[in-house]
Amino acid sequence: LRTPLAAIKTQAQVARAATAEAERRHALDNVLVGCDRATHLVEQLLTLARLEPETLKHHERCDLHALAVTAVAELAPAAIDKDIDLQLAEGDALRVPGEPALLAILLRNLIDNAIRYSPRHSVVRVRVANTGNGAELTVIDQGPGIPTGSRALVWERFYRVLGSGEAGSGLGLSIAKRIADLHGATVDLSEGDGGQGLRVSVTFPV
């Protein structure tokens, strides 16, 4: 938390000392950005703190495809801001045992991560399908991907791939993996379509 708070304080000091209106407004805009980042980090930390085995005291039959529809709709504005084509493959209801609120967080984190690290004018694809081995959620982007040697590290808290140029807390994938574990699901990272980008596949028992 020290990093975003220090950035907010610095920009506030710049705004207070600014003599030009344009400079002051720019600094205040950066204060707002810093507040948003700090808020996101706090929310992720609170989510991570709640993810204990006793969290899943009971299972519901959750429609994974319906949850994906909601997550895509919520994150569509972020995709539009980057001119990213966010696609959800058509599919029928596919129910898995679990906690819908946690599964919604998993979906949002994976899709948000794909949008965040994808270049402008690219495509992010989301699919939910029954593969025969279970219900598989797949999120594919056209970003820089993750080197094979780093794929085991991205599940660690606060780990971020260097050189991405994107701001983040390093908690999104860690939380997604923890939620998957609580649901008995497996997570696999591989290259995206045509060897470009990242494919995240989460397979749930049905």
N, C-alpha and C. Protein backbone atom coordinates (compact mmCIF):
# COMPACT_ATOMS: atom_id res chain seq x y z
N LEU A 1 0.81 -1.22 0.00
CA LEU A 1 0.00 0.00 0.00
C LEU A 1 0.84 1.27 0.00
N ARG A 2 2.13 1.17 0.41
CA ARG A 2 2.95 2.38 0.51
C ARG A 2 3.13 3.06 -0.85
N THR A 3 3.27 2.24 -1.90
CA THR A 3 3.57 2.80 -3.22
C THR A 3 2.44 3.68 -3.75
N PRO A 4 1.18 3.20 -3.82
CA PRO A 4 0.12 4.09 -4.32
C PRO A 4 -0.13 5.28 -3.41
N LEU A 5 0.00 5.10 -2.10
CA LEU A 5 -0.22 6.22 -1.19
C LEU A 5 0.86 7.28 -1.36
N ALA A 6 2.10 6.86 -1.55
CA ALA A 6 3.19 7.82 -1.78
C ALA A 6 2.97 8.58 -3.08
N ALA A 7 2.48 7.89 -4.10
CA ALA A 7 2.21 8.54 -5.39
C ALA A 7 1.10 9.58 -5.25
N ILE A 8 0.06 9.24 -4.49
CA ILE A 8 -1.04 10.17 -4.28
C ILE A 8 -0.55 11.42 -3.55
N LYS A 9 0.26 11.22 -2.52
CA LYS A 9 0.78 12.35 -1.76
C LYS A 9 1.63 13.26 -2.63
N THR A 10 2.49 12.66 -3.47
CA THR A 10 3.35 13.45 -4.34
C THR A 10 2.54 14.30 -5.30
N GLN A 11 1.51 13.70 -5.93
CA GLN A 11 0.70 14.44 -6.88
C GLN A 11 -0.11 15.54 -6.19
N ALA A 12 -0.55 15.28 -4.96
CA ALA A 12 -1.27 16.30 -4.20
C ALA A 12 -0.36 17.49 -3.90
N GLN A 13 0.91 17.20 -3.58
CA GLN A 13 1.87 18.27 -3.33
C GLN A 13 2.14 19.08 -4.59
N VAL A 14 2.21 18.39 -5.73
CA VAL A 14 2.40 19.08 -7.01
C VAL A 14 1.22 20.01 -7.29
N ALA A 15 0.01 19.50 -7.04
CA ALA A 15 -1.19 20.30 -7.28
C ALA A 15 -1.22 21.53 -6.39
N ARG A 16 -0.84 21.38 -5.14
CA ARG A 16 -0.86 22.52 -4.20
C ARG A 16 0.15 23.58 -4.60
N ALA A 17 1.30 23.15 -5.15
CA ALA A 17 2.35 24.11 -5.50
C ALA A 17 2.19 24.68 -6.91
N ALA A 18 1.29 24.08 -7.70
CA ALA A 18 1.16 24.50 -9.10
C ALA A 18 0.63 25.93 -9.21
N THR A 19 1.19 26.67 -10.14
CA THR A 19 0.72 28.03 -10.40
C THR A 19 -0.11 28.10 -11.67
N ALA A 20 0.08 27.15 -12.57
CA ALA A 20 -0.70 27.11 -13.81
C ALA A 20 -1.88 26.17 -13.63
N GLU A 21 -3.03 26.57 -14.16
CA GLU A 21 -4.26 25.77 -14.01
C GLU A 21 -4.12 24.41 -14.67
N ALA A 22 -3.49 24.37 -15.85
CA ALA A 22 -3.34 23.09 -16.56
C ALA A 22 -2.49 22.12 -15.75
N GLU A 23 -1.41 22.63 -15.14
CA GLU A 23 -0.54 21.78 -14.34
C GLU A 23 -1.30 21.26 -13.10
N ARG A 24 -2.08 22.15 -12.49
CA ARG A 24 -2.83 21.76 -11.31
C ARG A 24 -3.86 20.68 -11.63
N ARG A 25 -4.58 20.86 -12.73
CA ARG A 25 -5.59 19.88 -13.11
C ARG A 25 -4.96 18.54 -13.45
N HIS A 26 -3.81 18.57 -14.12
CA HIS A 26 -3.12 17.32 -14.46
C HIS A 26 -2.71 16.56 -13.20
N ALA A 27 -2.19 17.29 -12.21
CA ALA A 27 -1.79 16.66 -10.96
C ALA A 27 -2.99 16.09 -10.22
N LEU A 28 -4.11 16.80 -10.24
CA LEU A 28 -5.32 16.32 -9.57
C LEU A 28 -5.89 15.09 -10.29
N ASP A 29 -5.79 15.07 -11.61
CA ASP A 29 -6.22 13.88 -12.36
C ASP A 29 -5.39 12.67 -11.92
N ASN A 30 -4.08 12.90 -11.72
CA ASN A 30 -3.21 11.81 -11.27
C ASN A 30 -3.54 11.37 -9.85
N VAL A 31 -4.00 12.30 -9.03
CA VAL A 31 -4.45 11.93 -7.68
C VAL A 31 -5.63 10.97 -7.77
N LEU A 32 -6.58 11.28 -8.65
CA LEU A 32 -7.74 10.41 -8.82
C LEU A 32 -7.34 9.04 -9.33
N VAL A 33 -6.40 9.00 -10.27
CA VAL A 33 -5.91 7.71 -10.78
C VAL A 33 -5.26 6.91 -9.64
N GLY A 34 -4.47 7.59 -8.84
CA GLY A 34 -3.82 6.92 -7.71
C GLY A 34 -4.83 6.39 -6.70
N CYS A 35 -5.89 7.15 -6.47
CA CYS A 35 -6.94 6.69 -5.55
C CYS A 35 -7.63 5.44 -6.09
N ASP A 36 -7.88 5.43 -7.41
CA ASP A 36 -8.50 4.26 -8.02
C ASP A 36 -7.61 3.03 -7.87
N ARG A 37 -6.31 3.20 -8.07
CA ARG A 37 -5.38 2.08 -7.95
C ARG A 37 -5.32 1.58 -6.51
N ALA A 38 -5.29 2.50 -5.56
CA ALA A 38 -5.24 2.11 -4.15
C ALA A 38 -6.52 1.39 -3.75
N THR A 39 -7.66 1.87 -4.23
CA THR A 39 -8.94 1.23 -3.93
C THR A 39 -8.97 -0.19 -4.48
N HIS A 40 -8.50 -0.34 -5.72
CA HIS A 40 -8.46 -1.67 -6.33
C HIS A 40 -7.56 -2.62 -5.53
N LEU A 41 -6.43 -2.12 -5.10
CA LEU A 41 -5.50 -2.94 -4.32
C LEU A 41 -6.14 -3.38 -3.00
N VAL A 42 -6.79 -2.45 -2.31
CA VAL A 42 -7.45 -2.78 -1.05
C VAL A 42 -8.53 -3.83 -1.26
N GLU A 43 -9.32 -3.67 -2.33
CA GLU A 43 -10.37 -4.65 -2.61
C GLU A 43 -9.78 -6.03 -2.87
N GLN A 44 -8.67 -6.08 -3.61
CA GLN A 44 -8.02 -7.36 -3.88
C GLN A 44 -7.47 -7.98 -2.61
N LEU A 45 -6.88 -7.18 -1.75
CA LEU A 45 -6.34 -7.69 -0.49
C LEU A 45 -7.46 -8.23 0.40
N LEU A 46 -8.58 -7.52 0.45
CA LEU A 46 -9.71 -7.99 1.26
C LEU A 46 -10.26 -9.30 0.70
N THR A 47 -10.34 -9.41 -0.61
CA THR A 47 -10.80 -10.66 -1.22
C THR A 47 -9.87 -11.80 -0.87
N LEU A 48 -8.57 -11.56 -0.99
CA LEU A 48 -7.59 -12.60 -0.69
C LEU A 48 -7.68 -13.04 0.76
N ALA A 49 -7.92 -12.09 1.66
CA ALA A 49 -8.01 -12.42 3.09
C ALA A 49 -9.21 -13.30 3.39
N ARG A 50 -10.27 -13.18 2.58
CA ARG A 50 -11.49 -13.94 2.83
C ARG A 50 -11.43 -15.36 2.27
N LEU A 51 -10.48 -15.62 1.39
CA LEU A 51 -10.45 -16.91 0.69
C LEU A 51 -9.82 -18.00 1.53
N GLU A 52 -10.56 -18.50 2.47
CA GLU A 52 -10.15 -19.62 3.30
C GLU A 52 -11.06 -20.81 2.99
N PRO A 53 -10.61 -22.04 3.31
CA PRO A 53 -11.43 -23.22 2.99
C PRO A 53 -12.86 -23.14 3.52
N GLU A 54 -13.04 -22.53 4.71
CA GLU A 54 -14.38 -22.46 5.26
C GLU A 54 -15.28 -21.49 4.50
N THR A 55 -14.69 -20.75 3.54
CA THR A 55 -15.49 -19.84 2.72
C THR A 55 -16.59 -20.60 1.99
N LEU A 56 -16.26 -21.80 1.52
CA LEU A 56 -17.22 -22.60 0.77
C LEU A 56 -17.90 -23.61 1.70
N LYS A 57 -18.76 -23.11 2.55
CA LYS A 57 -19.46 -23.97 3.48
C LYS A 57 -20.56 -24.75 2.77
N HIS A 58 -21.05 -24.21 1.67
CA HIS A 58 -22.07 -24.93 0.90
C HIS A 58 -21.90 -24.58 -0.56
N HIS A 59 -22.33 -25.49 -1.42
CA HIS A 59 -22.19 -25.28 -2.86
C HIS A 59 -23.56 -25.05 -3.48
N GLU A 60 -23.60 -24.14 -4.43
CA GLU A 60 -24.78 -23.96 -5.26
C GLU A 60 -24.45 -24.48 -6.65
N ARG A 61 -25.48 -24.70 -7.44
CA ARG A 61 -25.27 -25.04 -8.84
C ARG A 61 -25.23 -23.73 -9.62
N CYS A 62 -24.02 -23.29 -9.97
CA CYS A 62 -23.83 -21.97 -10.58
C CYS A 62 -23.75 -22.09 -12.10
N ASP A 63 -24.44 -21.23 -12.80
CA ASP A 63 -24.38 -21.20 -14.26
C ASP A 63 -23.14 -20.40 -14.67
N LEU A 64 -22.10 -21.13 -15.06
CA LEU A 64 -20.83 -20.49 -15.38
C LEU A 64 -20.94 -19.58 -16.60
N HIS A 65 -21.76 -19.98 -17.57
CA HIS A 65 -21.91 -19.14 -18.76
C HIS A 65 -22.62 -17.84 -18.43
N ALA A 66 -23.65 -17.90 -17.58
CA ALA A 66 -24.36 -16.68 -17.20
C ALA A 66 -23.44 -15.74 -16.42
N LEU A 67 -22.59 -16.29 -15.56
CA LEU A 67 -21.63 -15.47 -14.84
C LEU A 67 -20.64 -14.82 -15.80
N ALA A 68 -20.26 -15.54 -16.86
CA ALA A 68 -19.34 -14.99 -17.86
C ALA A 68 -20.02 -13.84 -18.62
N VAL A 69 -21.31 -13.98 -18.93
CA VAL A 69 -22.05 -12.91 -19.61
C VAL A 69 -22.01 -11.63 -18.78
N THR A 70 -22.25 -11.77 -17.47
CA THR A 70 -22.25 -10.61 -16.58
C THR A 70 -20.86 -9.97 -16.50
N ALA A 71 -19.83 -10.81 -16.36
CA ALA A 71 -18.46 -10.29 -16.25
C ALA A 71 -18.04 -9.55 -17.52
N VAL A 72 -18.38 -10.10 -18.66
CA VAL A 72 -18.04 -9.45 -19.93
C VAL A 72 -18.75 -8.10 -20.05
N ALA A 73 -20.02 -8.06 -19.64
CA ALA A 73 -20.77 -6.80 -19.70
C ALA A 73 -20.17 -5.75 -18.78
N GLU A 74 -19.75 -6.17 -17.58
CA GLU A 74 -19.16 -5.22 -16.63
C GLU A 74 -17.83 -4.67 -17.12
N LEU A 75 -17.06 -5.49 -17.84
CA LEU A 75 -15.73 -5.06 -18.27
C LEU A 75 -15.70 -4.52 -19.70
N ALA A 76 -16.85 -4.51 -20.35
CA ALA A 76 -16.91 -3.99 -21.73
C ALA A 76 -16.41 -2.54 -21.82
N PRO A 77 -16.77 -1.64 -20.88
CA PRO A 77 -16.26 -0.27 -20.99
C PRO A 77 -14.73 -0.19 -20.97
N ALA A 78 -14.08 -1.02 -20.16
CA ALA A 78 -12.61 -1.02 -20.12
C ALA A 78 -12.04 -1.48 -21.45
N ALA A 79 -12.70 -2.45 -22.08
CA ALA A 79 -12.25 -2.93 -23.40
C ALA A 79 -12.45 -1.85 -24.45
N ILE A 80 -13.58 -1.17 -24.40
CA ILE A 80 -13.87 -0.10 -25.37
C ILE A 80 -12.84 1.02 -25.26
N ASP A 81 -12.44 1.34 -24.03
CA ASP A 81 -11.44 2.40 -23.83
C ASP A 81 -10.13 2.09 -24.54
N LYS A 82 -9.82 0.80 -24.72
CA LYS A 82 -8.57 0.40 -25.38
C LYS A 82 -8.83 -0.09 -26.81
N ASP A 83 -10.05 0.11 -27.31
CA ASP A 83 -10.40 -0.38 -28.65
C ASP A 83 -10.15 -1.87 -28.78
N ILE A 84 -10.48 -2.61 -27.73
CA ILE A 84 -10.31 -4.06 -27.72
C ILE A 84 -11.66 -4.71 -28.00
N ASP A 85 -11.66 -5.69 -28.88
CA ASP A 85 -12.87 -6.44 -29.20
C ASP A 85 -13.02 -7.57 -28.19
N LEU A 86 -13.88 -7.38 -27.20
CA LEU A 86 -14.11 -8.37 -26.15
C LEU A 86 -15.24 -9.29 -26.58
N GLN A 87 -14.93 -10.56 -26.80
CA GLN A 87 -15.90 -11.50 -27.36
C GLN A 87 -16.21 -12.62 -26.36
N LEU A 88 -17.48 -13.00 -26.31
CA LEU A 88 -17.90 -14.16 -25.53
C LEU A 88 -18.56 -15.15 -26.47
N ALA A 89 -18.02 -16.35 -26.55
CA ALA A 89 -18.58 -17.36 -27.44
C ALA A 89 -19.98 -17.76 -26.97
N GLU A 90 -20.86 -18.01 -27.93
CA GLU A 90 -22.20 -18.44 -27.58
C GLU A 90 -22.15 -19.80 -26.89
N GLY A 91 -23.10 -20.02 -26.01
CA GLY A 91 -23.14 -21.30 -25.31
C GLY A 91 -24.38 -21.41 -24.45
N ASP A 92 -24.67 -22.63 -24.07
CA ASP A 92 -25.82 -22.88 -23.21
C ASP A 92 -25.41 -22.80 -21.75
N ALA A 93 -26.41 -22.84 -20.88
CA ALA A 93 -26.14 -22.85 -19.44
C ALA A 93 -25.26 -24.05 -19.11
N LEU A 94 -24.25 -23.81 -18.29
CA LEU A 94 -23.33 -24.87 -17.88
C LEU A 94 -23.10 -24.71 -16.38
N ARG A 95 -23.67 -25.62 -15.62
CA ARG A 95 -23.68 -25.45 -14.17
C ARG A 95 -22.55 -26.23 -13.50
N VAL A 96 -21.91 -25.55 -12.54
CA VAL A 96 -20.85 -26.17 -11.75
C VAL A 96 -21.15 -25.91 -10.28
N PRO A 97 -20.72 -26.79 -9.38
CA PRO A 97 -20.93 -26.54 -7.96
C PRO A 97 -19.96 -25.48 -7.45
N GLY A 98 -20.47 -24.51 -6.70
CA GLY A 98 -19.56 -23.48 -6.20
C GLY A 98 -20.28 -22.31 -5.58
N GLU A 99 -19.51 -21.27 -5.32
CA GLU A 99 -20.01 -20.03 -4.74
C GLU A 99 -20.03 -18.97 -5.83
N PRO A 100 -21.22 -18.50 -6.25
CA PRO A 100 -21.30 -17.59 -7.40
C PRO A 100 -20.52 -16.29 -7.22
N ALA A 101 -20.48 -15.74 -6.01
CA ALA A 101 -19.76 -14.48 -5.81
C ALA A 101 -18.27 -14.66 -6.06
N LEU A 102 -17.71 -15.79 -5.62
CA LEU A 102 -16.29 -16.05 -5.84
C LEU A 102 -16.00 -16.35 -7.30
N LEU A 103 -16.88 -17.11 -7.94
CA LEU A 103 -16.67 -17.40 -9.36
C LEU A 103 -16.76 -16.12 -10.19
N ALA A 104 -17.60 -15.20 -9.78
CA ALA A 104 -17.68 -13.90 -10.49
C ALA A 104 -16.37 -13.15 -10.36
N ILE A 105 -15.74 -13.20 -9.19
CA ILE A 105 -14.45 -12.54 -9.00
C ILE A 105 -13.39 -13.19 -9.87
N LEU A 106 -13.38 -14.52 -9.93
CA LEU A 106 -12.42 -15.23 -10.78
C LEU A 106 -12.56 -14.78 -12.23
N LEU A 107 -13.79 -14.75 -12.72
CA LEU A 107 -14.02 -14.33 -14.10
C LEU A 107 -13.56 -12.90 -14.34
N ARG A 108 -13.94 -12.00 -13.45
CA ARG A 108 -13.56 -10.59 -13.63
C ARG A 108 -12.04 -10.43 -13.61
N ASN A 109 -11.37 -11.13 -12.71
CA ASN A 109 -9.92 -10.99 -12.63
C ASN A 109 -9.23 -11.49 -13.90
N LEU A 110 -9.68 -12.63 -14.42
CA LEU A 110 -9.05 -13.18 -15.62
C LEU A 110 -9.31 -12.30 -16.83
N ILE A 111 -10.55 -11.82 -16.99
CA ILE A 111 -10.88 -10.98 -18.14
C ILE A 111 -10.22 -9.61 -18.02
N ASP A 112 -10.25 -9.04 -16.81
CA ASP A 112 -9.59 -7.75 -16.59
C ASP A 112 -8.10 -7.85 -16.89
N ASN A 113 -7.48 -8.94 -16.47
CA ASN A 113 -6.05 -9.15 -16.72
C ASN A 113 -5.78 -9.21 -18.22
N ALA A 114 -6.64 -9.91 -18.96
CA ALA A 114 -6.47 -10.03 -20.41
C ALA A 114 -6.59 -8.67 -21.09
N ILE A 115 -7.58 -7.88 -20.66
CA ILE A 115 -7.75 -6.54 -21.24
C ILE A 115 -6.57 -5.65 -20.89
N ARG A 116 -6.16 -5.70 -19.64
CA ARG A 116 -5.10 -4.83 -19.15
C ARG A 116 -3.79 -5.03 -19.92
N TYR A 117 -3.47 -6.28 -20.24
CA TYR A 117 -2.17 -6.57 -20.87
C TYR A 117 -2.25 -6.75 -22.38
N SER A 118 -3.42 -6.50 -22.95
CA SER A 118 -3.55 -6.60 -24.41
C SER A 118 -3.28 -5.26 -25.06
N PRO A 119 -2.70 -5.27 -26.25
CA PRO A 119 -2.47 -4.01 -26.96
C PRO A 119 -3.78 -3.46 -27.51
N ARG A 120 -3.78 -2.20 -27.87
CA ARG A 120 -4.95 -1.58 -28.47
C ARG A 120 -5.29 -2.28 -29.79
N HIS A 121 -6.56 -2.27 -30.13
CA HIS A 121 -7.05 -2.83 -31.39
C HIS A 121 -6.81 -4.34 -31.48
N SER A 122 -6.83 -5.02 -30.35
CA SER A 122 -6.67 -6.48 -30.36
C SER A 122 -7.97 -7.14 -29.93
N VAL A 123 -7.93 -8.44 -29.72
CA VAL A 123 -9.13 -9.22 -29.40
C VAL A 123 -8.90 -10.02 -28.12
N VAL A 124 -9.92 -10.04 -27.26
CA VAL A 124 -9.92 -10.91 -26.08
C VAL A 124 -11.13 -11.83 -26.22
N ARG A 125 -10.89 -13.13 -26.17
CA ARG A 125 -11.96 -14.11 -26.35
C ARG A 125 -12.23 -14.86 -25.05
N VAL A 126 -13.50 -15.00 -24.72
CA VAL A 126 -13.92 -15.73 -23.52
C VAL A 126 -14.85 -16.86 -23.97
N ARG A 127 -14.63 -18.04 -23.42
CA ARG A 127 -15.47 -19.18 -23.81
C ARG A 127 -15.73 -20.06 -22.60
N VAL A 128 -16.96 -20.57 -22.51
CA VAL A 128 -17.33 -21.56 -21.50
C VAL A 128 -17.91 -22.75 -22.24
N ALA A 129 -17.34 -23.93 -22.02
CA ALA A 129 -17.79 -25.11 -22.77
C ALA A 129 -17.57 -26.37 -21.95
N ASN A 130 -18.37 -27.38 -22.25
CA ASN A 130 -18.19 -28.70 -21.64
C ASN A 130 -17.25 -29.50 -22.54
N THR A 131 -16.08 -29.81 -22.04
CA THR A 131 -15.07 -30.48 -22.85
C THR A 131 -15.11 -31.99 -22.72
N GLY A 132 -15.97 -32.51 -21.85
CA GLY A 132 -15.97 -33.94 -21.58
C GLY A 132 -15.19 -34.26 -20.33
N ASN A 133 -14.17 -33.44 -20.05
CA ASN A 133 -13.40 -33.59 -18.81
C ASN A 133 -13.92 -32.69 -17.71
N GLY A 134 -14.86 -31.83 -18.06
CA GLY A 134 -15.41 -30.89 -17.10
C GLY A 134 -15.81 -29.61 -17.79
N ALA A 135 -16.26 -28.64 -17.02
CA ALA A 135 -16.64 -27.34 -17.57
C ALA A 135 -15.37 -26.49 -17.67
N GLU A 136 -15.05 -26.05 -18.88
CA GLU A 136 -13.81 -25.30 -19.09
C GLU A 136 -14.11 -23.84 -19.42
N LEU A 137 -13.52 -22.96 -18.62
CA LEU A 137 -13.53 -21.53 -18.88
C LEU A 137 -12.20 -21.16 -19.51
N THR A 138 -12.24 -20.50 -20.66
CA THR A 138 -11.02 -20.12 -21.36
C THR A 138 -11.05 -18.62 -21.66
N VAL A 139 -9.94 -17.95 -21.35
CA VAL A 139 -9.77 -16.54 -21.68
C VAL A 139 -8.48 -16.42 -22.48
N ILE A 140 -8.59 -15.90 -23.69
CA ILE A 140 -7.45 -15.81 -24.60
C ILE A 140 -7.24 -14.36 -25.01
N ASP A 141 -6.00 -13.89 -24.89
CA ASP A 141 -5.71 -12.51 -25.31
C ASP A 141 -4.60 -12.52 -26.36
N GLN A 142 -4.26 -11.33 -26.84
CA GLN A 142 -3.21 -11.16 -27.84
C GLN A 142 -2.09 -10.27 -27.31
N GLY A 143 -1.89 -10.35 -26.00
CA GLY A 143 -0.85 -9.56 -25.35
C GLY A 143 0.53 -10.18 -25.47
N PRO A 144 1.45 -9.76 -24.60
CA PRO A 144 2.82 -10.26 -24.67
C PRO A 144 2.98 -11.68 -24.17
N GLY A 145 1.93 -12.22 -23.51
CA GLY A 145 2.04 -13.57 -22.97
C GLY A 145 2.92 -13.62 -21.73
N ILE A 146 3.15 -14.82 -21.23
CA ILE A 146 4.01 -15.01 -20.07
C ILE A 146 5.05 -16.05 -20.42
N PRO A 147 6.34 -15.73 -20.29
CA PRO A 147 7.39 -16.70 -20.60
C PRO A 147 7.17 -18.01 -19.82
N THR A 148 7.52 -19.12 -20.43
CA THR A 148 7.32 -20.42 -19.80
C THR A 148 7.94 -20.48 -18.41
N GLY A 149 9.12 -19.91 -18.25
CA GLY A 149 9.82 -19.96 -16.96
C GLY A 149 9.17 -19.14 -15.87
N SER A 150 8.26 -18.23 -16.25
CA SER A 150 7.60 -17.37 -15.27
C SER A 150 6.18 -17.82 -14.93
N ARG A 151 5.68 -18.82 -15.63
CA ARG A 151 4.27 -19.18 -15.46
C ARG A 151 3.95 -19.72 -14.07
N ALA A 152 4.91 -20.39 -13.46
CA ALA A 152 4.66 -20.90 -12.11
C ALA A 152 4.71 -19.78 -11.08
N LEU A 153 5.37 -18.66 -11.43
CA LEU A 153 5.54 -17.56 -10.47
C LEU A 153 4.35 -16.62 -10.43
N VAL A 154 3.56 -16.56 -11.52
CA VAL A 154 2.48 -15.56 -11.59
C VAL A 154 1.38 -15.83 -10.57
N TRP A 155 1.34 -17.04 -10.01
CA TRP A 155 0.32 -17.36 -9.01
C TRP A 155 0.69 -16.83 -7.64
N GLU A 156 1.94 -16.40 -7.48
CA GLU A 156 2.38 -15.89 -6.18
C GLU A 156 1.84 -14.47 -5.96
N ARG A 157 1.54 -14.15 -4.73
CA ARG A 157 1.01 -12.83 -4.39
C ARG A 157 2.02 -11.73 -4.74
N PHE A 158 1.54 -10.68 -5.37
CA PHE A 158 2.29 -9.47 -5.71
C PHE A 158 3.32 -9.68 -6.82
N TYR A 159 3.38 -10.88 -7.41
CA TYR A 159 4.33 -11.08 -8.51
C TYR A 159 3.77 -10.44 -9.78
N ARG A 160 4.61 -9.68 -10.47
CA ARG A 160 4.23 -9.07 -11.74
C ARG A 160 5.33 -9.31 -12.75
N VAL A 161 4.95 -9.61 -13.99
CA VAL A 161 5.93 -9.82 -15.06
C VAL A 161 6.56 -8.48 -15.40
N LEU A 162 7.87 -8.43 -15.39
CA LEU A 162 8.58 -7.19 -15.66
C LEU A 162 8.45 -6.80 -17.12
N GLY A 163 8.45 -5.48 -17.34
CA GLY A 163 8.44 -4.98 -18.71
C GLY A 163 7.08 -4.93 -19.36
N SER A 164 6.02 -5.19 -18.58
CA SER A 164 4.68 -5.19 -19.16
C SER A 164 4.18 -3.78 -19.44
N GLY A 165 4.68 -2.79 -18.67
CA GLY A 165 4.26 -1.42 -18.85
C GLY A 165 2.88 -1.13 -18.29
N GLU A 166 2.31 -2.08 -17.57
CA GLU A 166 0.97 -1.90 -17.02
C GLU A 166 1.02 -1.83 -15.50
N ALA A 167 0.13 -0.99 -14.93
CA ALA A 167 0.03 -0.91 -13.48
C ALA A 167 -0.86 -2.04 -12.97
N GLY A 168 -0.55 -2.53 -11.78
CA GLY A 168 -1.36 -3.58 -11.19
C GLY A 168 -0.81 -3.94 -9.83
N SER A 169 -1.60 -4.75 -9.11
CA SER A 169 -1.20 -5.12 -7.75
C SER A 169 -0.46 -6.44 -7.70
N GLY A 170 -0.53 -7.24 -8.77
CA GLY A 170 0.08 -8.55 -8.74
C GLY A 170 -0.73 -9.54 -7.93
N LEU A 171 -2.02 -9.25 -7.73
CA LEU A 171 -2.88 -10.13 -6.94
C LEU A 171 -3.98 -10.80 -7.77
N GLY A 172 -4.26 -10.28 -8.95
CA GLY A 172 -5.39 -10.78 -9.73
C GLY A 172 -5.31 -12.26 -10.02
N LEU A 173 -4.18 -12.72 -10.56
CA LEU A 173 -4.05 -14.13 -10.89
C LEU A 173 -3.92 -15.00 -9.64
N SER A 174 -3.29 -14.47 -8.60
CA SER A 174 -3.18 -15.20 -7.35
C SER A 174 -4.56 -15.48 -6.77
N ILE A 175 -5.43 -14.48 -6.80
CA ILE A 175 -6.79 -14.65 -6.29
C ILE A 175 -7.57 -15.63 -7.17
N ALA A 176 -7.42 -15.51 -8.49
CA ALA A 176 -8.12 -16.43 -9.40
C ALA A 176 -7.71 -17.87 -9.13
N LYS A 177 -6.42 -18.09 -8.92
CA LYS A 177 -5.92 -19.45 -8.65
C LYS A 177 -6.46 -19.97 -7.33
N ARG A 178 -6.52 -19.10 -6.32
CA ARG A 178 -7.03 -19.51 -5.01
C ARG A 178 -8.50 -19.90 -5.10
N ILE A 179 -9.29 -19.12 -5.85
CA ILE A 179 -10.70 -19.44 -6.03
C ILE A 179 -10.86 -20.76 -6.77
N ALA A 180 -10.05 -20.96 -7.82
CA ALA A 180 -10.10 -22.22 -8.56
C ALA A 180 -9.78 -23.39 -7.63
N ASP A 181 -8.76 -23.25 -6.80
CA ASP A 181 -8.39 -24.33 -5.87
C ASP A 181 -9.54 -24.65 -4.93
N LEU A 182 -10.22 -23.62 -4.43
CA LEU A 182 -11.33 -23.83 -3.51
C LEU A 182 -12.48 -24.57 -4.18
N HIS A 183 -12.56 -24.49 -5.50
CA HIS A 183 -13.63 -25.16 -6.24
C HIS A 183 -13.16 -26.49 -6.85
N GLY A 184 -11.96 -26.92 -6.50
CA GLY A 184 -11.45 -28.17 -7.06
C GLY A 184 -11.15 -28.09 -8.53
N ALA A 185 -10.93 -26.88 -9.04
CA ALA A 185 -10.66 -26.67 -10.46
C ALA A 185 -9.15 -26.62 -10.72
N THR A 186 -8.77 -26.94 -11.93
CA THR A 186 -7.38 -26.86 -12.35
C THR A 186 -7.20 -25.67 -13.29
N VAL A 187 -6.02 -25.04 -13.22
CA VAL A 187 -5.73 -23.87 -14.05
C VAL A 187 -4.49 -24.15 -14.89
N ASP A 188 -4.58 -23.83 -16.15
CA ASP A 188 -3.46 -24.05 -17.06
C ASP A 188 -3.18 -22.79 -17.86
N LEU A 189 -1.90 -22.45 -17.99
CA LEU A 189 -1.47 -21.32 -18.79
C LEU A 189 -0.74 -21.84 -20.03
N SER A 190 -1.08 -21.29 -21.18
CA SER A 190 -0.41 -21.68 -22.42
C SER A 190 -0.43 -20.51 -23.38
N GLU A 191 0.15 -20.70 -24.56
CA GLU A 191 0.16 -19.64 -25.55
C GLU A 191 -1.22 -19.50 -26.17
N GLY A 192 -1.51 -18.28 -26.62
CA GLY A 192 -2.78 -18.02 -27.26
C GLY A 192 -2.82 -18.53 -28.68
N ASP A 193 -3.83 -18.11 -29.42
CA ASP A 193 -3.99 -18.55 -30.81
C ASP A 193 -2.80 -18.13 -31.65
N GLY A 194 -2.31 -19.05 -32.47
CA GLY A 194 -1.19 -18.74 -33.33
C GLY A 194 0.11 -18.49 -32.59
N GLY A 195 0.19 -18.95 -31.34
CA GLY A 195 1.41 -18.75 -30.56
C GLY A 195 1.56 -17.36 -30.01
N GLN A 196 0.50 -16.54 -30.08
CA GLN A 196 0.55 -15.16 -29.60
C GLN A 196 -0.34 -15.00 -28.38
N GLY A 197 0.13 -14.20 -27.42
CA GLY A 197 -0.69 -13.90 -26.27
C GLY A 197 -0.71 -15.02 -25.24
N LEU A 198 -1.76 -15.00 -24.41
CA LEU A 198 -1.88 -15.94 -23.30
C LEU A 198 -3.26 -16.58 -23.32
N ARG A 199 -3.27 -17.89 -23.07
CA ARG A 199 -4.52 -18.64 -22.91
C ARG A 199 -4.57 -19.14 -21.47
N VAL A 200 -5.62 -18.74 -20.74
CA VAL A 200 -5.85 -19.23 -19.38
C VAL A 200 -7.05 -20.15 -19.43
N SER A 201 -6.85 -21.40 -19.02
CA SER A 201 -7.93 -22.39 -19.04
C SER A 201 -8.18 -22.88 -17.62
N VAL A 202 -9.43 -22.76 -17.18
CA VAL A 202 -9.82 -23.23 -15.85
C VAL A 202 -10.87 -24.33 -16.05
N THR A 203 -10.56 -25.52 -15.54
CA THR A 203 -11.46 -26.66 -15.73
C THR A 203 -12.08 -27.05 -14.40
N PHE A 204 -13.42 -27.00 -14.36
CA PHE A 204 -14.17 -27.31 -13.15
C PHE A 204 -14.79 -28.69 -13.23
N PRO A 205 -14.85 -29.41 -12.12
CA PRO A 205 -15.63 -30.66 -12.14
C PRO A 205 -17.11 -30.33 -12.22
N VAL A 206 -17.88 -31.17 -12.90
CA VAL A 206 -19.33 -30.91 -13.06
C VAL A 206 -20.12 -32.00 -12.36
